[in-house]
Structure formats: structure tokens, C-alpha cells
Amino acid sequence: MPYISFESGKLEKKIKQKLIEQLTEVSVDITGIPKELFFISIKEIPDGDIAVGGKTVTEMKKELKK
């Protein structure tokens, strides 16, 4: 059973559903494995726990709003 793991910051329910659908579709197209065999896991990490260049995603979002 193929396993796809996707990690990101907080996502809206609609976005998660679209990810599940499209990750499955692309994987089936490439591998030919039936979609019923794919297992997909979405792990959301709080924005304060993700950092790029020494700044958390929370800080970067605040800066982008300015």
C-alpha cells in the first residue's frame, strides 16, 4: 500500500481535501497503482513551530500583512 505524507502549517478543510484528491490522482497517473490502495496522511504543524531563515511562519505572516 503506497503511503504519501504531507506536512505543512495549518490548512483549511477545502485545501486538505483538494490535496488528497490531487496527490492521489497524480500518483495513480504516474504509477498505475489503483487509487484505493493509496494511504495519504496530512500532518499540520503549528505556524509557531515552523521557521525559515530564523523566523517563524507566524512572524512571517505578520510581516506580510504590513
PDB file of N, CA and C in Angstrom:
ATOM      1  N   MET A   1       0.849  -1.171   0.000  1.00  0.00           N
ATOM      2  CA  MET A   1       0.000   0.000   0.000  1.00  0.00           C
ATOM      3  C   MET A   1       0.898   1.239   0.000  1.00  0.00           C
ATOM      4  N   PRO A   2       0.863   2.051  -1.054  1.00  0.00           N
ATOM      5  CA  PRO A   2       1.677   3.261  -1.090  1.00  0.00           C
ATOM      6  C   PRO A   2       1.228   4.257  -0.021  1.00  0.00           C
ATOM      7  N   TYR A   3       2.196   4.942   0.566  1.00  0.00           N
ATOM      8  CA  TYR A   3       1.944   5.908   1.627  1.00  0.00           C
ATOM      9  C   TYR A   3       2.510   7.269   1.217  1.00  0.00           C
ATOM     10  N   ILE A   4       1.675   8.300   1.254  1.00  0.00           N
ATOM     11  CA  ILE A   4       2.110   9.668   0.957  1.00  0.00           C
ATOM     12  C   ILE A   4       1.910  10.491   2.222  1.00  0.00           C
ATOM     13  N   SER A   5       2.967  11.156   2.657  1.00  0.00           N
ATOM     14  CA  SER A   5       2.906  12.008   3.840  1.00  0.00           C
ATOM     15  C   SER A   5       3.134  13.448   3.417  1.00  0.00           C
ATOM     16  N   PHE A   6       2.251  14.344   3.861  1.00  0.00           N
ATOM     17  CA  PHE A   6       2.347  15.758   3.520  1.00  0.00           C
ATOM     18  C   PHE A   6       2.353  16.549   4.821  1.00  0.00           C
ATOM     19  N   GLU A   7       3.386  17.358   5.031  1.00  0.00           N
ATOM     20  CA  GLU A   7       3.481  18.171   6.250  1.00  0.00           C
ATOM     21  C   GLU A   7       3.450  19.642   5.877  1.00  0.00           C
ATOM     22  N   SER A   8       2.699  20.424   6.655  1.00  0.00           N
ATOM     23  CA  SER A   8       2.616  21.866   6.404  1.00  0.00           C
ATOM     24  C   SER A   8       2.076  22.565   7.635  1.00  0.00           C
ATOM     25  N   GLY A   9       1.956  23.871   7.506  1.00  0.00           N
ATOM     26  CA  GLY A   9       1.294  24.640   8.543  1.00  0.00           C
ATOM     27  C   GLY A   9      -0.205  24.384   8.458  1.00  0.00           C
ATOM     28  N   LYS A  10      -0.965  25.113   9.239  1.00  0.00           N
ATOM     29  CA  LYS A  10      -2.420  24.956   9.301  1.00  0.00           C
ATOM     30  C   LYS A  10      -3.043  25.133   7.921  1.00  0.00           C
ATOM     31  N   LEU A  11      -3.940  24.214   7.551  1.00  0.00           N
ATOM     32  CA  LEU A  11      -4.621  24.257   6.256  1.00  0.00           C
ATOM     33  C   LEU A  11      -6.131  24.242   6.448  1.00  0.00           C
ATOM     34  N   GLU A  12      -6.827  24.900   5.530  1.00  0.00           N
ATOM     35  CA  GLU A  12      -8.283  24.864   5.556  1.00  0.00           C
ATOM     36  C   GLU A  12      -8.761  23.493   5.084  1.00  0.00           C
ATOM     37  N   LYS A  13      -9.946  23.109   5.526  1.00  0.00           N
ATOM     38  CA  LYS A  13     -10.507  21.797   5.194  1.00  0.00           C
ATOM     39  C   LYS A  13     -10.594  21.597   3.677  1.00  0.00           C
ATOM     40  N   LYS A  14     -11.016  22.638   2.940  1.00  0.00           N
ATOM     41  CA  LYS A  14     -11.139  22.543   1.477  1.00  0.00           C
ATOM     42  C   LYS A  14      -9.787  22.256   0.823  1.00  0.00           C
ATOM     43  N   ILE A  15      -8.745  22.878   1.348  1.00  0.00           N
ATOM     44  CA  ILE A  15      -7.400  22.698   0.785  1.00  0.00           C
ATOM     45  C   ILE A  15      -6.912  21.275   1.040  1.00  0.00           C
ATOM     46  N   LYS A  16      -7.170  20.770   2.244  1.00  0.00           N
ATOM     47  CA  LYS A  16      -6.761  19.396   2.549  1.00  0.00           C
ATOM     48  C   LYS A  16      -7.463  18.402   1.633  1.00  0.00           C
ATOM     49  N   GLN A  17      -8.749  18.612   1.394  1.00  0.00           N
ATOM     50  CA  GLN A  17      -9.490  17.705   0.518  1.00  0.00           C
ATOM     51  C   GLN A  17      -8.933  17.750  -0.908  1.00  0.00           C
ATOM     52  N   LYS A  18      -8.611  18.951  -1.381  1.00  0.00           N
ATOM     53  CA  LYS A  18      -8.041  19.094  -2.731  1.00  0.00           C
ATOM     54  C   LYS A  18      -6.666  18.416  -2.809  1.00  0.00           C
ATOM     55  N   LEU A  19      -5.859  18.565  -1.774  1.00  0.00           N
ATOM     56  CA  LEU A  19      -4.556  17.893  -1.726  1.00  0.00           C
ATOM     57  C   LEU A  19      -4.720  16.380  -1.812  1.00  0.00           C
ATOM     58  N   ILE A  20      -5.630  15.847  -1.014  1.00  0.00           N
ATOM     59  CA  ILE A  20      -5.863  14.405  -1.009  1.00  0.00           C
ATOM     60  C   ILE A  20      -6.256  13.929  -2.406  1.00  0.00           C
ATOM     61  N   GLU A  21      -7.194  14.631  -3.016  1.00  0.00           N
ATOM     62  CA  GLU A  21      -7.670  14.242  -4.346  1.00  0.00           C
ATOM     63  C   GLU A  21      -6.559  14.314  -5.386  1.00  0.00           C
ATOM     64  N   GLN A  22      -5.834  15.437  -5.411  1.00  0.00           N
ATOM     65  CA  GLN A  22      -4.843  15.625  -6.466  1.00  0.00           C
ATOM     66  C   GLN A  22      -3.573  14.810  -6.245  1.00  0.00           C
ATOM     67  N   LEU A  23      -3.148  14.633  -4.996  1.00  0.00           N
ATOM     68  CA  LEU A  23      -1.993  13.769  -4.736  1.00  0.00           C
ATOM     69  C   LEU A  23      -2.300  12.340  -5.165  1.00  0.00           C
ATOM     70  N   THR A  24      -3.511  11.907  -4.875  1.00  0.00           N
ATOM     71  CA  THR A  24      -3.918  10.563  -5.284  1.00  0.00           C
ATOM     72  C   THR A  24      -3.951  10.452  -6.804  1.00  0.00           C
ATOM     73  N   GLU A  25      -4.595  11.418  -7.458  1.00  0.00           N
ATOM     74  CA  GLU A  25      -4.734  11.392  -8.919  1.00  0.00           C
ATOM     75  C   GLU A  25      -3.375  11.358  -9.627  1.00  0.00           C
ATOM     76  N   VAL A  26      -2.469  12.221  -9.210  1.00  0.00           N
ATOM     77  CA  VAL A  26      -1.140  12.270  -9.831  1.00  0.00           C
ATOM     78  C   VAL A  26      -0.389  10.963  -9.590  1.00  0.00           C
ATOM     79  N   SER A  27      -0.482  10.443  -8.389  1.00  0.00           N
ATOM     80  CA  SER A  27       0.219   9.197  -8.057  1.00  0.00           C
ATOM     81  C   SER A  27      -0.307   8.020  -8.875  1.00  0.00           C
ATOM     82  N   VAL A  28      -1.617   7.964  -9.061  1.00  0.00           N
ATOM     83  CA  VAL A  28      -2.217   6.904  -9.875  1.00  0.00           C
ATOM     84  C   VAL A  28      -1.757   7.037 -11.324  1.00  0.00           C
ATOM     85  N   ASP A  29      -1.779   8.278 -11.851  1.00  0.00           N
ATOM     86  CA  ASP A  29      -1.351   8.517 -13.235  1.00  0.00           C
ATOM     87  C   ASP A  29       0.093   8.084 -13.465  1.00  0.00           C
ATOM     88  N   ILE A  30       0.949   8.358 -12.503  1.00  0.00           N
ATOM     89  CA  ILE A  30       2.376   8.049 -12.663  1.00  0.00           C
ATOM     90  C   ILE A  30       2.670   6.564 -12.441  1.00  0.00           C
ATOM     91  N   THR A  31       2.062   5.985 -11.403  1.00  0.00           N
ATOM     92  CA  THR A  31       2.414   4.610 -11.029  1.00  0.00           C
ATOM     93  C   THR A  31       1.513   3.534 -11.626  1.00  0.00           C
ATOM     94  N   GLY A  32       0.267   3.913 -11.939  1.00  0.00           N
ATOM     95  CA  GLY A  32      -0.686   2.922 -12.414  1.00  0.00           C
ATOM     96  C   GLY A  32      -1.298   2.088 -11.293  1.00  0.00           C
ATOM     97  N   ILE A  33      -0.946   2.410 -10.054  1.00  0.00           N
ATOM     98  CA  ILE A  33      -1.495   1.698  -8.899  1.00  0.00           C
ATOM     99  C   ILE A  33      -2.915   2.222  -8.642  1.00  0.00           C
ATOM    100  N   PRO A  34      -3.880   1.348  -8.379  1.00  0.00           N
ATOM    101  CA  PRO A  34      -5.254   1.799  -8.137  1.00  0.00           C
ATOM    102  C   PRO A  34      -5.352   2.759  -6.951  1.00  0.00           C
ATOM    103  N   LYS A  35      -6.219   3.760  -7.103  1.00  0.00           N
ATOM    104  CA  LYS A  35      -6.344   4.793  -6.068  1.00  0.00           C
ATOM    105  C   LYS A  35      -6.773   4.234  -4.713  1.00  0.00           C
ATOM    106  N   GLU A  36      -7.493   3.132  -4.731  1.00  0.00           N
ATOM    107  CA  GLU A  36      -7.970   2.523  -3.485  1.00  0.00           C
ATOM    108  C   GLU A  36      -6.835   2.010  -2.603  1.00  0.00           C
ATOM    109  N   LEU A  37      -5.651   1.910  -3.152  1.00  0.00           N
ATOM    110  CA  LEU A  37      -4.516   1.398  -2.386  1.00  0.00           C
ATOM    111  C   LEU A  37      -3.649   2.498  -1.767  1.00  0.00           C
ATOM    112  N   PHE A  38      -3.902   3.753  -2.127  1.00  0.00           N
ATOM    113  CA  PHE A  38      -3.082   4.847  -1.600  1.00  0.00           C
ATOM    114  C   PHE A  38      -3.552   5.285  -0.218  1.00  0.00           C
ATOM    115  N   PHE A  39      -2.589   5.450   0.673  1.00  0.00           N
ATOM    116  CA  PHE A  39      -2.828   5.969   2.019  1.00  0.00           C
ATOM    117  C   PHE A  39      -2.157   7.334   2.082  1.00  0.00           C
ATOM    118  N   ILE A  40      -2.928   8.381   2.422  1.00  0.00           N
ATOM    119  CA  ILE A  40      -2.378   9.739   2.492  1.00  0.00           C
ATOM    120  C   ILE A  40      -2.567  10.282   3.894  1.00  0.00           C
ATOM    121  N   SER A  41      -1.508  10.886   4.418  1.00  0.00           N
ATOM    122  CA  SER A  41      -1.535  11.479   5.748  1.00  0.00           C
ATOM    123  C   SER A  41      -1.135  12.950   5.628  1.00  0.00           C
ATOM    124  N   ILE A  42      -1.948  13.823   6.219  1.00  0.00           N
ATOM    125  CA  ILE A  42      -1.614  15.248   6.253  1.00  0.00           C
ATOM    126  C   ILE A  42      -1.342  15.612   7.706  1.00  0.00           C
ATOM    127  N   LYS A  43      -0.139  16.090   7.946  1.00  0.00           N
ATOM    128  CA  LYS A  43       0.260  16.479   9.298  1.00  0.00           C
ATOM    129  C   LYS A  43       0.395  17.999   9.331  1.00  0.00           C
ATOM    130  N   GLU A  44      -0.407  18.628  10.168  1.00  0.00           N
ATOM    131  CA  GLU A  44      -0.347  20.079  10.305  1.00  0.00           C
ATOM    132  C   GLU A  44       0.539  20.441  11.498  1.00  0.00           C
ATOM    133  N   ILE A  45       1.441  21.339  11.258  1.00  0.00           N
ATOM    134  CA  ILE A  45       2.364  21.798  12.284  1.00  0.00           C
ATOM    135  C   ILE A  45       2.009  23.257  12.603  1.00  0.00           C
ATOM    136  N   PRO A  46       1.884  23.614  13.873  1.00  0.00           N
ATOM    137  CA  PRO A  46       1.555  24.998  14.208  1.00  0.00           C
ATOM    138  C   PRO A  46       2.567  25.974  13.600  1.00  0.00           C
ATOM    139  N   ASP A  47       2.054  27.111  13.104  1.00  0.00           N
ATOM    140  CA  ASP A  47       2.912  28.116  12.457  1.00  0.00           C
ATOM    141  C   ASP A  47       4.074  28.566  13.341  1.00  0.00           C
ATOM    142  N   GLY A  48       3.871  28.543  14.644  1.00  0.00           N
ATOM    143  CA  GLY A  48       4.933  28.939  15.563  1.00  0.00           C
ATOM    144  C   GLY A  48       6.037  27.899  15.703  1.00  0.00           C
ATOM    145  N   ASP A  49       5.776  26.711  15.160  1.00  0.00           N
ATOM    146  CA  ASP A  49       6.752  25.626  15.243  1.00  0.00           C
ATOM    147  C   ASP A  49       7.499  25.392  13.929  1.00  0.00           C
ATOM    148  N   ILE A  50       7.251  26.252  12.943  1.00  0.00           N
ATOM    149  CA  ILE A  50       7.933  26.149  11.647  1.00  0.00           C
ATOM    150  C   ILE A  50       8.690  27.446  11.426  1.00  0.00           C
ATOM    151  N   ALA A  51       9.942  27.337  11.008  1.00  0.00           N
ATOM    152  CA  ALA A  51      10.741  28.544  10.791  1.00  0.00           C
ATOM    153  C   ALA A  51      11.550  28.425   9.503  1.00  0.00           C
ATOM    154  N   VAL A  52      11.754  29.569   8.872  1.00  0.00           N
ATOM    155  CA  VAL A  52      12.600  29.675   7.682  1.00  0.00           C
ATOM    156  C   VAL A  52      13.481  30.899   7.884  1.00  0.00           C
ATOM    157  N   GLY A  53      14.762  30.733   7.722  1.00  0.00           N
ATOM    158  CA  GLY A  53      15.671  31.863   7.864  1.00  0.00           C
ATOM    159  C   GLY A  53      15.645  32.496   9.242  1.00  0.00           C
ATOM    160  N   GLY A  54      15.365  31.708  10.260  1.00  0.00           N
ATOM    161  CA  GLY A  54      15.377  32.216  11.630  1.00  0.00           C
ATOM    162  C   GLY A  54      14.088  32.884  12.070  1.00  0.00           C
ATOM    163  N   LYS A  55      13.053  32.886  11.220  1.00  0.00           N
ATOM    164  CA  LYS A  55      11.766  33.492  11.572  1.00  0.00           C
ATOM    165  C   LYS A  55      10.679  32.429  11.485  1.00  0.00           C
ATOM    166  N   THR A  56       9.775  32.450  12.473  1.00  0.00           N
ATOM    167  CA  THR A  56       8.667  31.504  12.431  1.00  0.00           C
ATOM    168  C   THR A  56       7.679  31.928  11.349  1.00  0.00           C
ATOM    169  N   VAL A  57       6.870  30.981  10.934  1.00  0.00           N
ATOM    170  CA  VAL A  57       5.841  31.289   9.949  1.00  0.00           C
ATOM    171  C   VAL A  57       4.874  32.323  10.524  1.00  0.00           C
ATOM    172  N   THR A  58       4.606  32.255  11.809  1.00  0.00           N
ATOM    173  CA  THR A  58       3.754  33.258  12.457  1.00  0.00           C
ATOM    174  C   THR A  58       4.329  34.654  12.249  1.00  0.00           C
ATOM    175  N   GLU A  59       5.634  34.813  12.484  1.00  0.00           N
ATOM    176  CA  GLU A  59       6.282  36.120  12.306  1.00  0.00           C
ATOM    177  C   GLU A  59       6.242  36.556  10.845  1.00  0.00           C
ATOM    178  N   MET A  60       6.493  35.615   9.929  1.00  0.00           N
ATOM    179  CA  MET A  60       6.492  35.961   8.506  1.00  0.00           C
ATOM    180  C   MET A  60       5.108  36.397   8.039  1.00  0.00           C
ATOM    181  N   LYS A  61       4.059  35.741   8.525  1.00  0.00           N
ATOM    182  CA  LYS A  61       2.702  36.124   8.156  1.00  0.00           C
ATOM    183  C   LYS A  61       2.381  37.538   8.655  1.00  0.00           C
ATOM    184  N   LYS A  62       2.821  37.852   9.880  1.00  0.00           N
ATOM    185  CA  LYS A  62       2.611  39.202  10.417  1.00  0.00           C
ATOM    186  C   LYS A  62       3.285  40.246   9.559  1.00  0.00           C
ATOM    187  N   GLU A  63       4.517  39.958   9.123  1.00  0.00           N
ATOM    188  CA  GLU A  63       5.266  40.899   8.287  1.00  0.00           C
ATOM    189  C   GLU A  63       4.599  41.091   6.930  1.00  0.00           C
ATOM    190  N   LEU A  64       4.041  40.039   6.379  1.00  0.00           N
ATOM    191  CA  LEU A  64       3.381  40.123   5.074  1.00  0.00           C
ATOM    192  C   LEU A  64       2.103  40.954   5.130  1.00  0.00           C
ATOM    193  N   LYS A  65       1.464  40.991   6.283  1.00  0.00           N
ATOM    194  CA  LYS A  65       0.222  41.779   6.442  1.00  0.00           C
ATOM    195  C   LYS A  65       0.488  43.274   6.504  1.00  0.00           C
ATOM    196  N   LYS A  66       1.727  43.656   6.819  1.00  0.00           N
ATOM    197  CA  LYS A  66       2.068  45.090   6.962  1.00  0.00           C
ATOM    198  C   LYS A  66       2.051  45.796   5.639  1.00  0.00           C
TER     199      LYS A  66
END
